[in-house]
Protein backbone atom coordinates (compact mmCIF):
# COMPACT_ATOMS: atom_id res chain seq x y z
CA MET A 1 201.62 67.97 52.32
CA ALA A 2 201.89 64.25 52.30
CA VAL A 3 202.59 62.45 49.01
CA PHE A 4 201.37 58.89 48.60
CA ALA A 5 202.95 56.64 46.02
CA VAL A 6 200.50 54.23 44.20
CA ILE A 7 202.15 50.96 43.40
CA THR A 8 200.49 48.64 40.96
CA ASN A 9 201.69 45.08 40.78
CA PRO A 10 199.64 42.64 38.78
CA SER A 11 201.10 39.67 40.61
CA ILE A 12 200.11 41.10 44.01
CA ASP A 13 196.66 41.87 42.68
CA ALA A 14 196.33 38.24 41.49
CA VAL A 15 197.32 36.99 44.93
CA LEU A 16 194.76 39.22 46.69
CA ARG A 17 192.10 38.03 44.40
CA ASP A 18 192.77 34.33 45.40
CA PRO A 19 189.81 33.12 47.57
CA ARG A 20 192.30 31.30 49.86
CA ILE A 21 193.57 34.74 51.09
CA TRP A 22 191.68 35.91 54.06
CA ARG A 23 191.63 39.76 54.14
CA GLY A 24 189.62 40.09 57.32
CA SER A 25 186.47 41.97 56.74
CA ALA A 26 187.72 43.64 53.66
CA ASN A 27 186.00 42.51 50.46
CA GLU A 28 187.50 44.98 47.88
CA HIS A 29 188.33 42.33 45.28
CA GLU A 30 185.58 40.28 43.59
CA VAL A 31 185.79 36.59 43.86
CA ALA A 32 183.93 34.36 41.38
CA PHE A 33 180.93 32.63 42.94
CA VAL A 34 177.64 30.90 42.17
CA PRO A 35 174.67 32.03 44.24
CA SER A 36 173.39 29.12 46.56
CA GLY A 37 169.79 30.20 45.80
CA HIS A 38 169.12 30.54 49.52
CA ALA A 39 169.02 34.20 50.60
CA GLY A 40 169.99 33.63 54.27
CA LEU A 41 172.97 31.37 53.30
CA ASP A 42 174.18 33.78 50.61
CA ALA A 43 174.13 36.66 53.13
CA ALA A 44 176.17 34.64 55.54
CA LEU A 45 178.86 33.38 53.22
CA PRO A 46 181.78 35.84 52.62
CA HIS A 47 181.40 35.93 48.83
CA ARG A 48 177.65 35.81 48.61
CA GLY A 49 177.49 32.15 47.38
CA TRP A 50 179.46 29.14 46.66
CA THR A 51 183.04 30.15 45.80
CA GLN A 52 184.42 28.82 42.53
CA GLY A 53 187.49 26.76 42.76
CA ALA A 54 186.86 25.54 46.28
CA MET A 55 185.46 22.44 48.05
CA THR A 56 182.49 22.60 50.45
CA GLU A 57 181.73 19.88 52.90
CA ILE A 58 178.02 19.34 53.66
CA LEU A 59 177.69 17.44 56.89
CA PHE A 60 174.42 15.72 58.02
CA ASP A 61 173.04 13.12 60.40
CA VAL A 62 170.31 11.49 58.40
CA ASP A 63 169.86 11.13 54.68
CA GLY A 64 167.19 13.22 53.15
CA ILE A 65 166.95 16.07 55.61
CA GLY A 66 167.80 18.65 53.02
CA GLU A 67 171.42 18.20 52.28
CA PHE A 68 170.84 17.63 48.56
CA ASP A 69 168.20 20.41 48.43
CA LEU A 70 170.96 22.76 49.56
CA VAL A 71 172.90 22.59 46.37
CA LEU A 72 169.95 22.21 43.79
CA PRO A 73 169.43 25.91 42.90
CA ALA A 74 173.10 26.29 41.96
CA LEU A 75 173.08 23.05 39.98
CA ALA A 76 170.03 24.36 38.16
CA ARG A 77 171.69 27.64 37.35
CA LEU A 78 174.76 25.86 36.12
CA THR A 79 173.12 23.23 33.88
CA GLN A 80 170.68 25.90 32.40
CA ALA A 81 173.84 27.79 31.39
CA GLN A 82 174.88 24.54 29.58
CA ARG A 83 177.68 23.81 32.08
CA HIS A 84 178.43 20.20 33.13
CA VAL A 85 177.63 18.90 36.55
CA VAL A 86 178.85 15.47 37.78
CA LEU A 87 177.48 13.26 40.59
CA VAL A 88 180.22 10.72 41.55
CA ALA A 89 178.84 7.55 43.00
CA PRO A 90 175.67 8.96 44.75
CA PRO A 91 174.25 6.78 47.42
CA TYR A 92 170.83 6.66 45.79
CA LEU A 93 169.73 6.79 42.16
CA PRO A 94 168.78 10.38 41.22
CA TYR A 95 165.14 10.68 40.33
CA ALA A 96 165.30 12.54 36.93
CA PRO A 97 161.64 13.79 36.84
CA ALA A 98 162.00 15.53 40.19
CA LEU A 99 165.32 17.06 39.27
CA ALA A 100 163.87 18.40 36.03
CA ALA A 101 161.05 19.87 37.88
CA ARG A 102 163.47 21.83 39.92
CA GLY A 103 165.15 23.29 36.93
CA ILE A 104 167.95 20.86 36.25
CA GLU A 105 168.85 20.49 32.54
CA LEU A 106 169.28 16.73 32.57
CA GLY A 107 171.42 16.82 29.40
CA HIS A 108 174.16 18.52 31.42
CA LEU A 109 173.95 16.35 34.47
CA HIS A 110 176.07 13.17 34.57
CA CYS A 111 176.29 10.45 37.06
CA VAL A 112 179.52 8.30 37.43
CA GLU A 113 179.24 4.83 38.90
CA THR A 114 182.23 3.35 40.57
CA ALA A 115 183.15 -0.08 42.08
CA SER A 116 184.78 1.21 45.26
CA GLU A 117 185.43 4.26 47.46
CA ILE A 118 188.96 4.54 46.13
CA GLU A 119 187.59 4.75 42.52
CA ALA A 120 184.99 7.29 43.53
CA LEU A 121 187.46 9.56 45.11
CA TRP A 122 189.76 9.24 42.07
CA ALA A 123 186.98 10.01 39.71
CA ALA A 124 185.84 13.08 41.73
CA GLU A 125 189.45 14.38 41.73
CA GLN A 126 189.81 13.94 37.96
CA CYS A 127 186.48 15.66 37.23
CA LEU A 128 187.33 18.59 39.48
CA ARG A 129 190.76 18.99 37.94
CA SER A 130 189.48 18.66 34.30
CA GLY A 131 188.37 22.23 33.73
CA VAL A 132 185.28 21.11 31.96
CA CYS A 133 183.05 20.45 35.04
CA ALA A 134 181.25 23.43 36.63
CA ALA A 135 180.41 21.36 39.85
CA VAL A 136 181.38 17.91 41.09
CA LEU A 137 179.48 16.17 43.96
CA CYS A 138 180.83 13.21 45.91
CA TRP A 139 179.78 11.21 48.96
CA PRO A 140 183.07 9.96 50.68
CA ARG A 141 182.37 7.53 53.51
CA GLN A 142 185.92 7.50 54.71
CA ALA A 143 188.20 10.25 53.52
CA SER A 144 191.59 11.24 55.13
CA ASP A 145 192.87 14.77 55.49
CA ARG A 146 195.18 14.03 52.50
CA THR A 147 192.35 12.84 50.31
CA LEU A 148 190.36 15.96 51.12
CA ARG A 149 193.27 18.16 50.44
CA ARG A 150 193.65 16.60 47.06
CA LEU A 151 190.14 17.31 46.19
CA GLN A 152 190.43 20.99 47.47
CA VAL A 153 193.55 21.40 45.30
CA ALA A 154 191.84 19.74 42.19
CA ALA A 155 188.82 22.11 42.61
CA GLU A 156 191.24 25.16 42.64
CA PHE A 157 193.04 23.77 39.65
CA GLY A 158 189.83 23.19 37.59
CA ASN A 159 188.05 26.31 38.97
CA ALA A 160 185.10 24.06 39.91
CA LEU A 161 182.59 23.92 42.72
CA GLY A 162 183.28 20.79 44.68
CA PHE A 163 180.71 19.28 47.17
CA ALA A 164 181.56 16.44 49.57
CA PHE A 165 178.53 15.08 51.45
CA ARG A 166 179.79 13.43 54.74
CA ALA A 167 178.40 12.20 57.95
CA ALA A 168 178.02 14.77 60.68
CA ARG A 169 180.58 12.99 62.95
CA ALA A 170 183.29 14.36 60.59
CA ALA A 171 182.77 17.78 61.94
CA ALA A 172 184.81 16.82 64.98
CA ASN A 173 187.96 16.49 62.63
CA PRO A 174 189.71 19.44 60.92
CA SER A 175 189.32 19.73 57.20
CA PRO A 176 191.09 21.62 54.33
CA ALA A 177 187.71 22.28 52.64
CA ALA A 178 187.15 25.98 52.15
CA THR A 179 183.65 25.77 53.54
CA ARG A 180 181.89 23.46 56.03
CA ILE A 181 178.15 23.40 56.51
CA GLN A 182 176.17 21.28 58.89
CA VAL A 183 172.57 20.45 58.08
CA ARG A 184 170.39 19.57 61.12
CA ALA A 185 166.82 18.65 61.59
CA GLU A 186 165.87 21.02 64.35
CA GLU A 187 162.78 23.35 64.16
CA GLY A 188 162.57 22.20 60.51
CA THR A 189 165.87 22.08 58.68
CA ARG A 190 168.56 24.53 59.71
CA LEU A 191 172.11 25.17 58.63
CA ARG A 192 175.20 26.01 60.59
CA ILE A 193 178.35 27.23 58.97
CA LEU A 194 181.23 25.65 60.72
CA LYS A 195 183.92 27.19 58.44
CA CYS A 196 184.07 29.70 55.69
CA ARG A 197 187.28 30.80 54.24
CA GLY A 198 187.39 34.61 54.02
CA ALA A 199 185.32 35.33 57.18
CA ASN A 200 184.34 34.16 60.65
CA PRO A 201 181.34 31.72 60.70
CA PRO A 202 178.17 33.37 61.85
CA ALA A 203 177.15 32.35 65.34
CA LEU A 204 173.44 31.79 64.59
CA SER A 205 172.05 28.93 62.46
CA ILE A 206 170.10 29.62 59.28
CA PRO A 207 166.69 28.15 58.39
CA LEU A 208 166.49 26.13 55.19
CA ARG A 209 163.29 24.03 55.20
CA PRO A 210 160.84 26.91 54.58
CA ALA A 211 162.58 27.75 51.43
CA VAL A 212 162.64 24.39 49.66
CA ALA A 213 160.62 21.31 49.06
CA HIS A 214 162.67 18.25 49.69
CA ILE A 215 163.81 15.84 46.91
CA HIS A 216 164.91 12.41 47.73
CA MET A 217 167.11 10.37 45.53
CA ARG A 218 165.73 6.84 44.91
């Protein structure tokens, strides 16, 4: 009769729980996540939502096609739990009444204004790293691989959700972000997962527009 030895090693278990480790299709260890609020997207993502301690790039061609709608349900969930969400140098002024109507607790939503792209990236990194921000959103216009890697590491250190909204042309370049999603205006608004750490991206795009009503920042 075969005898199997069971080896328990807390350090190995901790490594296997790290969302940066790809275990193929295995999903035996739970990874902390926040549901995106979009059923089709949650079903396609390896951890059933936005992975905590990770950066997500949201790539889009035209402002206002649904890129901000994509994260609103998660932000509502976090602010309702009295956790802090920070918008760093958004390109438009957030329209508070519309955000409140979508469930955002405005007392836990913060907007940081900066004088330059360098300051914005620095502020985003510090907020991610702080450990007191549940989610940090930024809109880098020009970001090097090194800069994005610093944001990814900061998100891991602070166990925060990081979202970087970037032009669709950035999809042609590699990125250290854990997840990359492209938002496209085709047959409504659809999502294509370009990269998701922990699994292979699904081949088919995911419809978004039918599930949401767009909010534009003024």
